[in-house]
Amino acid sequence: MSIRQAMLAILEQGPMYGYQLRAEFEQRTGETWPLNIGQVYTTLTRLERDGLVEVVELGGADDHQSGSERHVSYRATEAGRGEVSEWFATPVPRSQPPRDELAIKLAIAVTLPGVDVGTIIQRQRSATIAALQDYTRLKRTGRAAAPEAPEDLAWSLVLDSLVFDAEAEVRWLDHCEARLRRAALDREDVRRDAPAAATTEEVTR
């Protein structure tokens, strides 16, 4: 997920300092991906370096910082607004998918002896179904059930994405389990056929 472009898009709405920007991001995404304030300020520093944001005012002491420090507000520059427009116009590439911890775990597990992959799948399915039930419950209650403000609609869309991802993960786990079962049967067939093939070869000698 591009925090950089998301922050730029929010800054198009007006000047903000780091804590405001973090609060806006988390409100619009239902706090699904909490941001570390250090990450926010590091990203803002890089955006300023690249000419995509600029400092517009110095405020008073920030309640979250020591009294001697002053917060800095930023806004998107013309170049920053251009990058946001390009971000919205460009599809998210699938050529380099993000690392999926579960896919990596199962890929490694099936290559190692003594690992009960079936149990891993069963436990993960239970956890994913529990999460799916939580997401579904959230969709029926609260601000996601009948979104009115744009921020509520944004959270509802994020929640839909989480539901679809969880449903897809359950289907994929079912597929993995079926593949493992079929692979085990194939290995059993090979072992069963091997003695018969050896006997036939001895008889024809």
Protein backbone atom coordinates (compact mmCIF):
# COMPACT_ATOMS: atom_id res chain seq x y z
CA MET A 1 0.00 0.00 0.00
CA SER A 2 1.40 3.40 -0.96
CA ILE A 3 1.37 5.57 2.14
CA ARG A 4 3.19 8.26 0.18
CA GLN A 5 0.45 8.82 -2.40
CA ALA A 6 -2.34 8.42 0.17
CA MET A 7 -0.80 11.14 2.33
CA LEU A 8 -0.40 13.41 -0.69
CA ALA A 9 -4.04 12.89 -1.66
CA ILE A 10 -5.20 13.87 1.83
CA LEU A 11 -2.93 16.93 1.87
CA GLU A 12 -4.65 18.15 -1.29
CA GLN A 13 -7.61 18.99 0.95
CA GLY A 14 -5.61 21.53 2.94
CA PRO A 15 -2.54 22.03 5.15
CA MET A 16 -2.00 19.54 7.97
CA TYR A 17 0.73 18.59 10.37
CA GLY A 18 1.80 15.03 11.09
CA TYR A 19 -0.65 14.06 13.82
CA GLN A 20 -3.58 15.53 11.87
CA LEU A 21 -2.51 13.66 8.75
CA ARG A 22 -2.23 10.37 10.62
CA ALA A 23 -5.69 10.88 12.17
CA GLU A 24 -7.22 11.67 8.78
CA PHE A 25 -5.65 8.61 7.16
CA GLU A 26 -6.80 6.27 9.93
CA GLN A 27 -10.31 7.75 10.01
CA ARG A 28 -10.72 7.30 6.25
CA THR A 29 -9.51 3.70 6.36
CA GLY A 30 -11.28 2.63 9.56
CA GLU A 31 -7.96 2.32 11.43
CA THR A 32 -7.32 -0.86 9.46
CA TRP A 33 -3.68 0.09 8.83
CA PRO A 34 -2.51 2.21 11.80
CA LEU A 35 0.41 4.51 11.03
CA ASN A 36 3.41 5.08 13.25
CA ILE A 37 3.86 8.83 13.70
CA GLY A 38 7.55 8.44 12.98
CA GLN A 39 6.66 6.90 9.61
CA VAL A 40 4.38 9.86 8.88
CA TYR A 41 7.06 12.46 9.55
CA THR A 42 9.72 10.47 7.70
CA THR A 43 7.43 10.31 4.66
CA LEU A 44 6.66 14.03 4.91
CA THR A 45 10.39 14.81 5.01
CA ARG A 46 10.95 12.77 1.86
CA LEU A 47 7.96 14.36 0.13
CA GLU A 48 9.35 17.82 0.94
CA ARG A 49 12.77 16.78 -0.33
CA ASP A 50 11.19 15.66 -3.61
CA GLY A 51 9.25 18.89 -4.00
CA LEU A 52 5.84 17.26 -3.59
CA VAL A 53 4.85 19.07 -0.37
CA GLU A 54 5.85 22.38 1.13
CA VAL A 55 5.81 23.94 4.59
CA VAL A 56 3.07 26.54 4.83
CA GLU A 57 2.98 27.61 8.48
CA LEU A 58 4.46 27.12 11.90
CA GLY A 59 1.91 26.39 14.61
CA GLY A 60 2.11 26.49 18.37
CA ALA A 61 3.39 23.75 20.60
CA ASP A 62 1.99 20.36 19.68
CA ASP A 63 0.14 18.67 22.55
CA HIS A 64 1.82 15.39 21.56
CA GLN A 65 5.30 16.84 21.69
CA SER A 66 7.32 18.66 24.31
CA GLY A 67 6.35 22.26 24.95
CA SER A 68 9.56 23.55 23.38
CA GLU A 69 8.83 21.96 20.00
CA ARG A 70 6.64 23.45 17.28
CA HIS A 71 4.71 21.50 14.69
CA VAL A 72 5.03 22.16 10.98
CA SER A 73 2.08 22.09 8.58
CA TYR A 74 2.44 20.81 5.03
CA ARG A 75 0.41 21.06 1.86
CA ALA A 76 0.70 19.39 -1.53
CA THR A 77 2.55 21.32 -4.22
CA GLU A 78 1.53 21.38 -7.88
CA ALA A 79 3.97 18.52 -8.49
CA GLY A 80 2.43 16.64 -5.57
CA ARG A 81 -1.07 17.10 -6.97
CA GLY A 82 0.19 15.80 -10.29
CA GLU A 83 1.55 12.66 -8.63
CA VAL A 84 -1.82 12.10 -6.92
CA SER A 85 -3.62 12.42 -10.27
CA GLU A 86 -1.23 9.91 -11.83
CA TRP A 87 -1.72 7.54 -8.88
CA PHE A 88 -5.49 7.56 -9.29
CA ALA A 89 -5.18 7.10 -13.07
CA THR A 90 -2.75 4.17 -12.90
CA PRO A 91 -3.90 0.61 -12.04
CA VAL A 92 -2.16 -1.05 -9.11
CA PRO A 93 0.44 -3.38 -10.70
CA ARG A 94 0.30 -7.11 -10.04
CA SER A 95 3.74 -7.87 -11.49
CA GLN A 96 5.32 -7.66 -8.02
CA PRO A 97 2.70 -8.89 -5.54
CA PRO A 98 3.28 -8.04 -1.88
CA ARG A 99 4.74 -10.75 0.31
CA ASP A 100 1.99 -12.98 1.66
CA GLU A 101 3.10 -14.51 4.96
CA LEU A 102 0.58 -17.35 4.77
CA ALA A 103 1.55 -18.32 1.21
CA ILE A 104 5.23 -18.26 2.21
CA LYS A 105 4.53 -20.35 5.33
CA LEU A 106 2.70 -23.06 3.38
CA ALA A 107 5.23 -23.03 0.53
CA ILE A 108 8.05 -23.66 3.01
CA ALA A 109 6.05 -26.14 5.08
CA VAL A 110 5.33 -28.50 2.17
CA THR A 111 9.06 -28.74 1.42
CA LEU A 112 10.10 -29.74 4.94
CA PRO A 113 9.85 -33.23 6.42
CA GLY A 114 7.86 -33.72 9.60
CA VAL A 115 5.67 -30.62 9.21
CA ASP A 116 1.92 -31.27 9.52
CA VAL A 117 0.73 -28.98 6.75
CA GLY A 118 -2.86 -30.19 7.13
CA THR A 119 -2.96 -28.93 10.71
CA ILE A 120 -1.51 -25.58 9.66
CA ILE A 121 -4.28 -25.23 7.07
CA GLN A 122 -7.02 -26.20 9.52
CA ARG A 123 -5.85 -23.74 12.18
CA GLN A 124 -5.51 -20.94 9.64
CA ARG A 125 -8.96 -21.65 8.22
CA SER A 126 -10.49 -21.40 11.70
CA ALA A 127 -8.70 -18.09 12.34
CA THR A 128 -9.69 -16.67 8.95
CA ILE A 129 -13.33 -17.69 9.35
CA ALA A 130 -13.38 -16.03 12.79
CA ALA A 131 -12.00 -12.83 11.24
CA LEU A 132 -14.55 -13.06 8.42
CA GLN A 133 -17.35 -13.32 10.97
CA ASP A 134 -16.01 -10.21 12.74
CA TYR A 135 -15.88 -8.27 9.46
CA THR A 136 -19.40 -9.36 8.56
CA ARG A 137 -20.66 -8.28 11.98
CA LEU A 138 -19.06 -4.86 11.48
CA LYS A 139 -20.79 -4.54 8.11
CA ARG A 140 -24.17 -4.98 9.79
CA THR A 141 -23.55 -2.50 12.58
CA GLY A 142 -22.09 0.94 13.14
CA ARG A 143 -21.20 3.50 10.52
CA ALA A 144 -20.38 0.88 7.88
CA ALA A 145 -23.98 -0.43 7.88
CA ALA A 146 -25.49 2.79 6.52
CA PRO A 147 -22.64 5.08 5.45
CA GLU A 148 -23.62 8.72 5.16
CA ALA A 149 -20.40 10.73 5.38
CA PRO A 150 -17.65 10.13 2.78
CA GLU A 151 -15.40 8.79 5.57
CA ASP A 152 -18.06 6.20 6.48
CA LEU A 153 -18.33 5.09 2.86
CA ALA A 154 -14.53 4.85 2.68
CA TRP A 155 -14.49 2.59 5.77
CA SER A 156 -17.30 0.50 4.29
CA LEU A 157 -15.28 -0.05 1.10
CA VAL A 158 -12.20 -1.03 3.11
CA LEU A 159 -14.36 -3.44 5.10
CA ASP A 160 -15.71 -4.95 1.88
CA SER A 161 -12.12 -5.51 0.75
CA LEU A 162 -11.30 -7.30 4.02
CA VAL A 163 -14.38 -9.51 3.64
CA PHE A 164 -13.51 -10.44 0.06
CA ASP A 165 -9.88 -11.15 1.00
CA ALA A 166 -10.94 -13.41 3.88
CA GLU A 167 -13.44 -15.27 1.68
CA ALA A 168 -10.77 -15.75 -0.98
CA GLU A 169 -8.30 -17.00 1.63
CA VAL A 170 -10.77 -19.61 2.88
CA ARG A 171 -11.33 -20.83 -0.70
CA TRP A 172 -7.59 -20.94 -1.30
CA LEU A 173 -7.03 -22.95 1.89
CA ASP A 174 -9.71 -25.41 0.77
CA HIS A 175 -7.90 -25.67 -2.56
CA CYS A 176 -4.54 -26.26 -0.81
CA GLU A 177 -6.05 -29.00 1.32
CA ALA A 178 -7.50 -30.71 -1.75
CA ARG A 179 -4.16 -30.46 -3.58
CA LEU A 180 -2.32 -32.00 -0.62
CA ARG A 181 -4.84 -34.82 -0.40
CA ARG A 182 -4.52 -35.53 -4.12
CA ALA A 183 -0.71 -35.43 -3.92
CA ALA A 184 -0.77 -37.94 -1.04
CA LEU A 185 -2.99 -40.28 -3.07
CA ASP A 186 -0.68 -39.98 -6.07
CA ARG A 187 2.33 -40.90 -3.93
CA GLU A 188 0.44 -43.88 -2.54
CA ASP A 189 -0.39 -45.04 -6.08
CA VAL A 190 3.28 -44.80 -7.06
CA ARG A 191 4.35 -46.87 -4.04
CA ARG A 192 1.65 -49.46 -4.75
CA ASP A 193 2.56 -49.77 -8.43
CA ALA A 194 6.32 -50.00 -7.86
CA PRO A 195 6.38 -53.64 -6.52
CA ALA A 196 4.04 -54.80 -9.31
CA ALA A 197 6.29 -53.26 -11.93
CA ALA A 198 9.35 -54.93 -10.40
CA THR A 199 7.63 -58.37 -10.39
CA THR A 200 6.63 -58.02 -14.04
CA GLU A 201 10.19 -57.17 -15.00
CA GLU A 202 11.53 -60.27 -13.19
CA VAL A 203 9.02 -62.57 -14.96
CA THR A 204 9.97 -61.29 -18.42
CA ARG A 205 13.68 -61.86 -17.90
